[in-house]
């Protein structure tokens, strides 16, 4: 299994910490069986599958 670990640059971490109070929760939706569902409503197994998906740019 080839998994990439994302690392944040110190500059990004400082920016996130600076604006922590202004941030809001972001709901991520994905298409499942022909309709869109929020990822946070998935069970543990489905969340794991979602994390393993490969994202690509066209």
C-alpha atoms as a PDB file:
ATOM      1  CA  UNK A   1       0.000   0.000   0.000  1.00  0.00           C
ATOM      2  CA  UNK A   2       1.495   3.332  -1.054  1.00  0.00           C
ATOM      3  CA  UNK A   3       0.277   6.144   1.210  1.00  0.00           C
ATOM      4  CA  UNK A   4       1.571   9.676   1.137  1.00  0.00           C
ATOM      5  CA  UNK A   5       1.830  11.662   4.343  1.00  0.00           C
ATOM      6  CA  UNK A   6       1.095  15.333   4.007  1.00  0.00           C
ATOM      7  CA  UNK A   7       3.317  17.660   6.017  1.00  0.00           C
ATOM      8  CA  UNK A   8       2.443  21.251   6.689  1.00  0.00           C
ATOM      9  CA  UNK A   9       5.008  23.973   6.262  1.00  0.00           C
ATOM     10  CA  UNK A  10       5.734  26.086   9.377  1.00  0.00           C
ATOM     11  CA  UNK A  11       4.381  29.125   7.525  1.00  0.00           C
ATOM     12  CA  UNK A  12       1.035  27.370   6.979  1.00  0.00           C
ATOM     13  CA  UNK A  13       0.810  26.248  10.610  1.00  0.00           C
ATOM     14  CA  UNK A  14       1.427  29.807  11.812  1.00  0.00           C
ATOM     15  CA  UNK A  15      -1.268  31.138   9.497  1.00  0.00           C
ATOM     16  CA  UNK A  16      -3.789  28.539  10.685  1.00  0.00           C
ATOM     17  CA  UNK A  17      -3.029  29.256  14.333  1.00  0.00           C
ATOM     18  CA  UNK A  18      -3.345  33.007  13.759  1.00  0.00           C
ATOM     19  CA  UNK A  19      -6.843  32.688  12.265  1.00  0.00           C
ATOM     20  CA  UNK A  20      -8.138  29.809  14.423  1.00  0.00           C
ATOM     21  CA  UNK A  21     -11.104  31.788  15.786  1.00  0.00           C
ATOM     22  CA  UNK A  22     -12.262  32.797  12.289  1.00  0.00           C
ATOM     23  CA  UNK A  23     -12.294  29.249  10.911  1.00  0.00           C
ATOM     24  CA  UNK A  24     -15.558  27.365  10.396  1.00  0.00           C
ATOM     25  CA  UNK A  25     -16.280  23.680   9.971  1.00  0.00           C
ATOM     26  CA  UNK A  26     -16.276  22.543   6.367  1.00  0.00           C
ATOM     27  CA  UNK A  27     -18.552  19.681   5.327  1.00  0.00           C
ATOM     28  CA  UNK A  28     -17.083  17.440   2.650  1.00  0.00           C
ATOM     29  CA  UNK A  29     -19.587  15.687   0.402  1.00  0.00           C
ATOM     30  CA  UNK A  30     -18.893  12.777  -1.910  1.00  0.00           C
ATOM     31  CA  UNK A  31     -20.992  10.892  -4.415  1.00  0.00           C
ATOM     32  CA  UNK A  32     -22.160   7.510  -3.137  1.00  0.00           C
ATOM     33  CA  UNK A  33     -24.484   5.241  -5.114  1.00  0.00           C
ATOM     34  CA  UNK A  34     -25.753   8.074  -7.308  1.00  0.00           C
ATOM     35  CA  UNK A  35     -26.326  10.756  -4.674  1.00  0.00           C
ATOM     36  CA  UNK A  36     -24.201  13.056  -2.498  1.00  0.00           C
ATOM     37  CA  UNK A  37     -23.609  12.387   1.201  1.00  0.00           C
ATOM     38  CA  UNK A  38     -21.463  14.154   3.807  1.00  0.00           C
ATOM     39  CA  UNK A  39     -18.329  12.176   4.648  1.00  0.00           C
ATOM     40  CA  UNK A  40     -18.809  12.782   8.384  1.00  0.00           C
ATOM     41  CA  UNK A  41     -21.950  10.604   8.317  1.00  0.00           C
ATOM     42  CA  UNK A  42     -19.971   7.579   7.053  1.00  0.00           C
ATOM     43  CA  UNK A  43     -19.227   4.626   9.297  1.00  0.00           C
ATOM     44  CA  UNK A  44     -15.611   3.897  10.305  1.00  0.00           C
ATOM     45  CA  UNK A  45     -14.945   1.520   7.399  1.00  0.00           C
ATOM     46  CA  UNK A  46     -16.335   3.878   4.769  1.00  0.00           C
ATOM     47  CA  UNK A  47     -14.309   6.801   6.205  1.00  0.00           C
ATOM     48  CA  UNK A  48     -11.175   4.657   5.844  1.00  0.00           C
ATOM     49  CA  UNK A  49     -12.015   3.881   2.219  1.00  0.00           C
ATOM     50  CA  UNK A  50     -12.567   7.579   1.539  1.00  0.00           C
ATOM     51  CA  UNK A  51      -9.120   8.463   2.938  1.00  0.00           C
ATOM     52  CA  UNK A  52      -7.469   5.889   0.666  1.00  0.00           C
ATOM     53  CA  UNK A  53      -8.980   7.313  -2.519  1.00  0.00           C
ATOM     54  CA  UNK A  54      -6.589   8.818  -5.026  1.00  0.00           C
ATOM     55  CA  UNK A  55      -7.284  12.424  -5.988  1.00  0.00           C
ATOM     56  CA  UNK A  56      -6.012  13.668  -9.310  1.00  0.00           C
ATOM     57  CA  UNK A  57      -5.946  16.864 -11.343  1.00  0.00           C
ATOM     58  CA  UNK A  58      -7.030  16.765 -14.933  1.00  0.00           C
END
